[in-house]
N, C-alpha and C. Protein backbone atom coordinates (compact mmCIF):
# COMPACT_ATOMS: atom_id res chain seq x y z
N MET A 1 -10.99 31.01 21.45
CA MET A 1 -11.87 30.14 20.72
C MET A 1 -12.50 30.87 19.53
N SER A 2 -12.77 32.16 19.73
CA SER A 2 -13.37 32.91 18.64
C SER A 2 -12.40 33.07 17.47
N LYS A 3 -11.09 33.14 17.77
CA LYS A 3 -10.10 33.22 16.70
C LYS A 3 -10.11 31.94 15.86
N VAL A 4 -10.25 30.81 16.51
CA VAL A 4 -10.27 29.54 15.80
C VAL A 4 -11.50 29.46 14.91
N LEU A 5 -12.63 29.83 15.45
CA LEU A 5 -13.87 29.80 14.67
C LEU A 5 -13.81 30.78 13.50
N ASN A 6 -13.26 31.95 13.74
CA ASN A 6 -13.11 32.93 12.67
C ASN A 6 -12.17 32.39 11.58
N PHE A 7 -11.08 31.77 11.98
CA PHE A 7 -10.14 31.18 11.03
C PHE A 7 -10.82 30.09 10.20
N LEU A 8 -11.58 29.21 10.87
CA LEU A 8 -12.27 28.14 10.17
C LEU A 8 -13.31 28.68 9.20
N HIS A 9 -13.99 29.75 9.60
CA HIS A 9 -14.99 30.34 8.71
C HIS A 9 -14.32 30.96 7.48
N PHE A 10 -13.24 31.67 7.71
CA PHE A 10 -12.56 32.35 6.62
C PHE A 10 -11.91 31.36 5.64
N HIS A 11 -11.40 30.25 6.17
CA HIS A 11 -10.71 29.25 5.35
C HIS A 11 -11.53 27.97 5.20
N ARG A 12 -12.82 28.06 5.18
CA ARG A 12 -13.67 26.88 5.19
C ARG A 12 -13.47 25.99 3.96
N ARG A 13 -13.26 26.57 2.79
CA ARG A 13 -13.02 25.75 1.60
C ARG A 13 -11.70 24.99 1.71
N ARG A 14 -10.67 25.69 2.15
CA ARG A 14 -9.36 25.05 2.30
C ARG A 14 -9.44 23.93 3.33
N VAL A 15 -10.10 24.18 4.43
CA VAL A 15 -10.23 23.16 5.47
C VAL A 15 -11.03 21.97 4.96
N ALA A 16 -12.10 22.24 4.20
CA ALA A 16 -12.92 21.15 3.66
C ALA A 16 -12.14 20.30 2.66
N VAL A 17 -11.39 20.94 1.77
CA VAL A 17 -10.61 20.20 0.78
C VAL A 17 -9.53 19.38 1.47
N ASN A 18 -8.83 19.98 2.41
CA ASN A 18 -7.78 19.25 3.12
C ASN A 18 -8.34 18.09 3.94
N PHE A 19 -9.48 18.32 4.58
CA PHE A 19 -10.11 17.25 5.36
C PHE A 19 -10.55 16.11 4.44
N PHE A 20 -11.14 16.45 3.31
CA PHE A 20 -11.59 15.43 2.36
C PHE A 20 -10.40 14.64 1.82
N THR A 21 -9.34 15.34 1.43
CA THR A 21 -8.16 14.68 0.88
C THR A 21 -7.50 13.78 1.92
N ALA A 22 -7.34 14.29 3.14
CA ALA A 22 -6.73 13.48 4.19
C ALA A 22 -7.59 12.27 4.53
N SER A 23 -8.90 12.42 4.50
CA SER A 23 -9.81 11.29 4.77
C SER A 23 -9.69 10.23 3.68
N CYS A 24 -9.65 10.66 2.43
CA CYS A 24 -9.49 9.70 1.33
C CYS A 24 -8.15 8.99 1.40
N TYR A 25 -7.10 9.74 1.74
CA TYR A 25 -5.78 9.15 1.89
C TYR A 25 -5.78 8.13 3.02
N GLY A 26 -6.39 8.47 4.14
CA GLY A 26 -6.48 7.54 5.26
C GLY A 26 -7.25 6.29 4.91
N ALA A 27 -8.37 6.44 4.18
CA ALA A 27 -9.16 5.28 3.77
C ALA A 27 -8.38 4.40 2.80
N LEU A 28 -7.64 5.03 1.89
CA LEU A 28 -6.83 4.28 0.94
C LEU A 28 -5.74 3.50 1.67
N CYS A 29 -5.08 4.15 2.60
CA CYS A 29 -4.01 3.48 3.36
C CYS A 29 -4.58 2.34 4.20
N TYR A 30 -5.74 2.55 4.79
CA TYR A 30 -6.35 1.50 5.61
C TYR A 30 -6.75 0.30 4.76
N SER A 31 -7.29 0.56 3.57
CA SER A 31 -7.69 -0.56 2.71
C SER A 31 -6.48 -1.25 2.08
N GLY A 32 -5.32 -0.58 2.07
CA GLY A 32 -4.12 -1.14 1.47
C GLY A 32 -3.61 -2.39 2.15
N LYS A 33 -3.94 -2.58 3.41
CA LYS A 33 -3.46 -3.78 4.11
C LYS A 33 -4.10 -5.05 3.58
N GLU A 34 -5.19 -4.92 2.87
CA GLU A 34 -5.90 -6.08 2.32
C GLU A 34 -5.44 -6.42 0.90
N TRP A 35 -4.63 -5.56 0.29
CA TRP A 35 -4.23 -5.77 -1.10
C TRP A 35 -3.26 -6.94 -1.22
N ASN A 36 -3.33 -7.64 -2.34
CA ASN A 36 -2.45 -8.78 -2.58
C ASN A 36 -1.13 -8.37 -3.23
N ASN A 37 -1.06 -7.21 -3.78
CA ASN A 37 0.14 -6.74 -4.49
C ASN A 37 1.15 -6.18 -3.48
N ASP A 38 2.30 -6.85 -3.37
CA ASP A 38 3.33 -6.41 -2.42
C ASP A 38 3.89 -5.04 -2.76
N LEU A 39 4.01 -4.74 -4.05
CA LEU A 39 4.55 -3.45 -4.46
C LEU A 39 3.66 -2.30 -3.98
N LEU A 40 2.36 -2.44 -4.16
CA LEU A 40 1.43 -1.38 -3.74
C LEU A 40 1.38 -1.26 -2.22
N ARG A 41 1.41 -2.40 -1.53
CA ARG A 41 1.40 -2.35 -0.07
C ARG A 41 2.65 -1.68 0.48
N LEU A 42 3.81 -1.99 -0.11
CA LEU A 42 5.04 -1.35 0.33
C LEU A 42 5.03 0.14 -0.01
N GLY A 43 4.44 0.48 -1.16
CA GLY A 43 4.31 1.89 -1.53
C GLY A 43 3.45 2.66 -0.53
N ILE A 44 2.36 2.06 -0.10
CA ILE A 44 1.49 2.70 0.90
C ILE A 44 2.23 2.82 2.23
N ALA A 45 2.94 1.77 2.64
CA ALA A 45 3.69 1.84 3.90
C ALA A 45 4.77 2.92 3.83
N GLY A 46 5.46 3.03 2.70
CA GLY A 46 6.46 4.07 2.53
C GLY A 46 5.84 5.45 2.53
N SER A 47 4.67 5.56 1.94
CA SER A 47 3.97 6.83 1.91
C SER A 47 3.60 7.28 3.32
N ILE A 48 3.08 6.37 4.10
CA ILE A 48 2.70 6.70 5.48
C ILE A 48 3.93 7.08 6.31
N SER A 49 4.98 6.28 6.21
CA SER A 49 6.16 6.57 7.02
C SER A 49 6.82 7.88 6.62
N ASN A 50 6.92 8.14 5.33
CA ASN A 50 7.51 9.40 4.87
C ASN A 50 6.65 10.59 5.29
N MET A 51 5.33 10.45 5.20
CA MET A 51 4.43 11.53 5.61
C MET A 51 4.56 11.83 7.10
N ILE A 52 4.67 10.80 7.92
CA ILE A 52 4.80 11.01 9.37
C ILE A 52 6.10 11.74 9.69
N VAL A 53 7.19 11.31 9.08
CA VAL A 53 8.49 11.93 9.35
C VAL A 53 8.51 13.38 8.87
N GLU A 54 8.10 13.61 7.64
CA GLU A 54 8.17 14.96 7.07
C GLU A 54 7.25 15.94 7.80
N THR A 55 6.04 15.52 8.12
CA THR A 55 5.12 16.44 8.81
C THR A 55 5.52 16.65 10.27
N SER A 56 6.17 15.65 10.86
CA SER A 56 6.62 15.82 12.25
C SER A 56 7.72 16.86 12.36
N PHE A 57 8.57 16.93 11.35
CA PHE A 57 9.68 17.87 11.38
C PHE A 57 9.41 19.15 10.60
N HIS A 58 8.18 19.36 10.18
CA HIS A 58 7.86 20.57 9.41
C HIS A 58 8.14 21.85 10.20
N PHE A 59 7.83 21.83 11.48
CA PHE A 59 8.07 22.99 12.34
C PHE A 59 9.55 23.35 12.34
N ILE A 60 10.41 22.35 12.50
CA ILE A 60 11.85 22.59 12.56
C ILE A 60 12.37 23.03 11.19
N ASP A 61 11.85 22.43 10.12
CA ASP A 61 12.27 22.83 8.78
C ASP A 61 11.88 24.27 8.48
N THR A 62 10.68 24.65 8.89
CA THR A 62 10.23 26.03 8.69
C THR A 62 11.14 27.00 9.41
N LEU A 63 11.44 26.69 10.63
CA LEU A 63 12.34 27.54 11.42
C LEU A 63 13.73 27.61 10.79
N ASN A 64 14.25 26.49 10.34
CA ASN A 64 15.57 26.43 9.72
C ASN A 64 15.61 27.25 8.43
N ILE A 65 14.62 27.10 7.58
CA ILE A 65 14.59 27.82 6.31
C ILE A 65 14.48 29.32 6.54
N ARG A 66 13.63 29.72 7.44
CA ARG A 66 13.47 31.16 7.70
C ARG A 66 14.72 31.75 8.34
N THR A 67 15.40 30.98 9.16
CA THR A 67 16.64 31.47 9.76
C THR A 67 17.71 31.67 8.69
N LYS A 68 17.82 30.73 7.77
CA LYS A 68 18.81 30.83 6.71
C LYS A 68 18.47 31.92 5.70
N ALA A 69 17.18 32.16 5.48
CA ALA A 69 16.75 33.16 4.50
C ALA A 69 16.75 34.57 5.08
N SER A 70 16.97 34.70 6.35
CA SER A 70 16.98 36.01 7.00
C SER A 70 18.14 36.85 6.46
N GLU A 71 17.89 38.14 6.34
CA GLU A 71 18.90 39.04 5.79
C GLU A 71 20.12 39.18 6.71
N LYS A 72 19.88 39.13 8.01
CA LYS A 72 21.00 39.22 8.94
C LYS A 72 21.13 37.90 9.70
N SER A 73 22.29 37.70 10.26
CA SER A 73 22.54 36.47 11.01
C SER A 73 21.70 36.48 12.29
N ILE A 74 20.89 35.44 12.45
CA ILE A 74 19.98 35.37 13.59
C ILE A 74 19.95 33.93 14.09
N THR A 75 19.80 33.77 15.38
CA THR A 75 19.74 32.42 15.95
C THR A 75 18.34 31.85 15.76
N ALA A 76 18.24 30.54 15.89
CA ALA A 76 16.94 29.88 15.74
C ALA A 76 15.97 30.32 16.83
N GLY A 77 16.47 30.53 18.03
CA GLY A 77 15.60 30.97 19.13
C GLY A 77 15.01 32.35 18.88
N LYS A 78 15.84 33.26 18.37
CA LYS A 78 15.33 34.60 18.06
C LYS A 78 14.34 34.56 16.91
N MET A 79 14.62 33.70 15.91
CA MET A 79 13.69 33.59 14.79
C MET A 79 12.36 33.00 15.25
N MET A 80 12.41 32.05 16.17
CA MET A 80 11.18 31.47 16.69
C MET A 80 10.36 32.54 17.42
N SER A 81 11.02 33.36 18.20
CA SER A 81 10.32 34.45 18.89
C SER A 81 9.74 35.45 17.90
N LYS A 82 10.49 35.74 16.85
CA LYS A 82 10.03 36.69 15.83
C LYS A 82 8.79 36.16 15.10
N ILE A 83 8.82 34.89 14.71
CA ILE A 83 7.67 34.29 14.04
C ILE A 83 6.47 34.27 14.98
N TRP A 84 6.68 33.90 16.23
CA TRP A 84 5.59 33.83 17.21
C TRP A 84 4.95 35.20 17.42
N GLU A 85 5.76 36.24 17.51
CA GLU A 85 5.24 37.59 17.74
C GLU A 85 4.47 38.11 16.53
N LYS A 86 4.99 37.89 15.32
CA LYS A 86 4.36 38.44 14.12
C LYS A 86 3.16 37.63 13.64
N GLU A 87 3.29 36.29 13.64
CA GLU A 87 2.28 35.46 12.98
C GLU A 87 1.56 34.49 13.90
N GLY A 88 2.09 34.26 15.07
CA GLY A 88 1.48 33.29 15.98
C GLY A 88 1.76 31.87 15.52
N ILE A 89 0.92 30.98 15.94
CA ILE A 89 1.11 29.55 15.64
C ILE A 89 0.98 29.27 14.15
N LYS A 90 0.20 30.09 13.44
CA LYS A 90 0.02 29.89 11.99
C LYS A 90 1.33 30.07 11.23
N GLY A 91 2.24 30.87 11.74
CA GLY A 91 3.51 31.10 11.08
C GLY A 91 4.37 29.85 10.97
N PHE A 92 4.22 28.95 11.93
CA PHE A 92 5.00 27.71 11.91
C PHE A 92 4.37 26.65 11.01
N GLY A 93 3.11 26.84 10.66
CA GLY A 93 2.42 25.85 9.84
C GLY A 93 2.33 26.20 8.37
N LYS A 94 2.92 27.32 7.99
CA LYS A 94 2.87 27.71 6.58
C LYS A 94 3.55 26.65 5.73
N GLY A 95 2.88 26.27 4.65
CA GLY A 95 3.42 25.26 3.75
C GLY A 95 3.18 23.84 4.21
N PHE A 96 2.39 23.65 5.25
CA PHE A 96 2.17 22.31 5.77
C PHE A 96 1.45 21.42 4.76
N SER A 97 0.46 21.95 4.06
CA SER A 97 -0.29 21.12 3.12
C SER A 97 0.60 20.65 1.98
N ALA A 98 1.49 21.52 1.49
CA ALA A 98 2.42 21.11 0.44
C ALA A 98 3.36 20.02 0.96
N CYS A 99 3.79 20.17 2.19
CA CYS A 99 4.65 19.16 2.82
C CYS A 99 3.90 17.83 2.94
N PHE A 100 2.65 17.90 3.35
CA PHE A 100 1.84 16.69 3.54
C PHE A 100 1.63 15.96 2.21
N TYR A 101 1.13 16.68 1.21
CA TYR A 101 0.84 16.04 -0.08
C TYR A 101 2.11 15.55 -0.76
N GLY A 102 3.14 16.36 -0.73
CA GLY A 102 4.39 15.97 -1.37
C GLY A 102 5.02 14.75 -0.72
N SER A 103 5.02 14.71 0.59
CA SER A 103 5.64 13.58 1.29
C SER A 103 4.87 12.29 1.05
N CYS A 104 3.55 12.37 0.94
CA CYS A 104 2.75 11.17 0.64
C CYS A 104 3.13 10.61 -0.73
N LEU A 105 3.21 11.49 -1.71
CA LEU A 105 3.51 11.05 -3.07
C LEU A 105 4.95 10.56 -3.19
N VAL A 106 5.89 11.29 -2.64
CA VAL A 106 7.30 10.92 -2.73
C VAL A 106 7.56 9.59 -2.02
N GLY A 107 6.98 9.41 -0.86
CA GLY A 107 7.15 8.15 -0.13
C GLY A 107 6.63 6.96 -0.90
N PHE A 108 5.47 7.13 -1.53
CA PHE A 108 4.90 6.03 -2.31
C PHE A 108 5.80 5.69 -3.50
N ILE A 109 6.20 6.71 -4.25
CA ILE A 109 7.03 6.47 -5.44
C ILE A 109 8.35 5.80 -5.06
N GLN A 110 9.00 6.33 -4.04
CA GLN A 110 10.31 5.80 -3.67
C GLN A 110 10.24 4.35 -3.21
N PHE A 111 9.32 4.02 -2.34
CA PHE A 111 9.26 2.66 -1.81
C PHE A 111 8.72 1.67 -2.85
N TYR A 112 7.79 2.12 -3.68
CA TYR A 112 7.25 1.27 -4.73
C TYR A 112 8.36 0.86 -5.69
N PHE A 113 9.11 1.85 -6.15
CA PHE A 113 10.16 1.54 -7.11
C PHE A 113 11.37 0.86 -6.48
N TYR A 114 11.63 1.10 -5.21
CA TYR A 114 12.71 0.37 -4.53
C TYR A 114 12.43 -1.13 -4.56
N LYS A 115 11.23 -1.50 -4.19
CA LYS A 115 10.87 -2.92 -4.18
C LYS A 115 10.91 -3.48 -5.60
N ASN A 116 10.43 -2.70 -6.56
CA ASN A 116 10.41 -3.14 -7.95
C ASN A 116 11.84 -3.33 -8.48
N PHE A 117 12.71 -2.35 -8.26
CA PHE A 117 14.10 -2.44 -8.71
C PHE A 117 14.84 -3.58 -8.01
N LYS A 118 14.58 -3.76 -6.73
CA LYS A 118 15.25 -4.81 -5.98
C LYS A 118 14.92 -6.18 -6.58
N THR A 119 13.68 -6.40 -6.90
CA THR A 119 13.26 -7.67 -7.51
C THR A 119 13.88 -7.83 -8.90
N MET A 120 13.85 -6.77 -9.68
CA MET A 120 14.43 -6.84 -11.04
C MET A 120 15.93 -7.11 -10.99
N TYR A 121 16.65 -6.43 -10.09
CA TYR A 121 18.10 -6.61 -10.00
C TYR A 121 18.46 -8.00 -9.51
N LYS A 122 17.68 -8.55 -8.59
CA LYS A 122 17.94 -9.92 -8.11
C LYS A 122 17.81 -10.92 -9.26
N GLU A 123 16.78 -10.74 -10.07
CA GLU A 123 16.58 -11.64 -11.20
C GLU A 123 17.66 -11.44 -12.27
N TYR A 124 18.05 -10.20 -12.49
CA TYR A 124 19.03 -9.90 -13.54
C TYR A 124 20.42 -10.44 -13.18
N PHE A 125 20.86 -10.23 -11.96
CA PHE A 125 22.20 -10.65 -11.56
C PHE A 125 22.27 -12.11 -11.12
N GLU A 126 21.16 -12.73 -10.82
CA GLU A 126 21.05 -14.16 -10.50
C GLU A 126 22.10 -14.64 -9.50
N GLY A 127 22.32 -13.89 -8.43
CA GLY A 127 23.25 -14.30 -7.39
C GLY A 127 24.72 -14.11 -7.72
N LYS A 128 25.05 -13.43 -8.81
CA LYS A 128 26.44 -13.22 -9.21
C LYS A 128 27.11 -12.11 -8.41
N VAL A 129 26.32 -11.22 -7.84
CA VAL A 129 26.87 -10.12 -7.05
C VAL A 129 26.28 -10.16 -5.65
N ASP A 130 26.92 -9.45 -4.77
CA ASP A 130 26.50 -9.40 -3.37
C ASP A 130 25.13 -8.72 -3.23
N LEU A 131 24.34 -9.20 -2.30
CA LEU A 131 23.01 -8.61 -2.08
C LEU A 131 23.10 -7.15 -1.63
N ALA A 132 24.14 -6.79 -0.92
CA ALA A 132 24.30 -5.40 -0.49
C ALA A 132 24.40 -4.47 -1.69
N PHE A 133 25.10 -4.92 -2.73
CA PHE A 133 25.20 -4.13 -3.96
C PHE A 133 23.84 -4.00 -4.63
N ILE A 134 23.09 -5.09 -4.66
CA ILE A 134 21.76 -5.06 -5.27
C ILE A 134 20.84 -4.11 -4.52
N TYR A 135 20.84 -4.20 -3.19
CA TYR A 135 19.97 -3.34 -2.39
C TYR A 135 20.35 -1.87 -2.51
N SER A 136 21.65 -1.59 -2.48
CA SER A 136 22.07 -0.19 -2.58
C SER A 136 21.81 0.35 -3.99
N SER A 137 21.99 -0.48 -5.01
CA SER A 137 21.69 -0.05 -6.37
C SER A 137 20.20 0.21 -6.56
N ALA A 138 19.39 -0.65 -5.98
CA ALA A 138 17.93 -0.46 -6.07
C ALA A 138 17.52 0.81 -5.34
N SER A 139 18.12 1.05 -4.19
CA SER A 139 17.81 2.26 -3.43
C SER A 139 18.22 3.51 -4.18
N LEU A 140 19.43 3.50 -4.75
CA LEU A 140 19.92 4.63 -5.51
C LEU A 140 19.06 4.89 -6.75
N SER A 141 18.69 3.83 -7.44
CA SER A 141 17.84 3.97 -8.64
C SER A 141 16.48 4.54 -8.27
N ALA A 142 15.89 4.04 -7.20
CA ALA A 142 14.58 4.52 -6.77
C ALA A 142 14.65 5.99 -6.35
N MET A 143 15.73 6.36 -5.65
CA MET A 143 15.88 7.75 -5.21
C MET A 143 16.07 8.68 -6.40
N CYS A 144 16.89 8.27 -7.37
CA CYS A 144 17.09 9.11 -8.56
C CYS A 144 15.79 9.28 -9.35
N LEU A 145 15.02 8.21 -9.48
CA LEU A 145 13.74 8.30 -10.17
C LEU A 145 12.77 9.20 -9.40
N THR A 146 12.76 9.07 -8.09
CA THR A 146 11.88 9.90 -7.26
C THR A 146 12.25 11.37 -7.38
N LEU A 147 13.54 11.67 -7.33
CA LEU A 147 13.98 13.05 -7.46
C LEU A 147 13.68 13.62 -8.85
N SER A 148 13.73 12.79 -9.87
CA SER A 148 13.41 13.29 -11.21
C SER A 148 11.92 13.61 -11.36
N VAL A 149 11.09 12.90 -10.62
CA VAL A 149 9.65 13.18 -10.67
C VAL A 149 9.40 14.50 -9.96
């Protein structure tokens, strides 16, 4: 328990900023269900879903990246033991805040523009092409725009 308190004291600014940002994000997402704009609501839903997926798999991604970046060939189990011995639980959480903030923004952009492109393509093609083509084109366009950002 003293390690946790010492960590919180040493990183109090970082913890305060992250807590404040996460609280504002949560309040924004909660208020989003009342919005009349479908594009913004879908963007918020995409942001939440992308954030949940990315942060849930952050541990596995960290392990995968460190295993691949290792100078010698090492298994994931050995790398997990190595991280645990050297850094403890904090070693698996490195980069979590970047993952959290990035996934929130990327999810919003991708889903917002997917819905926007889908509507635009439906109006532009006026039923002349298959809906599967419209949906896949909208998805591809939104993904390319998201990756460029």
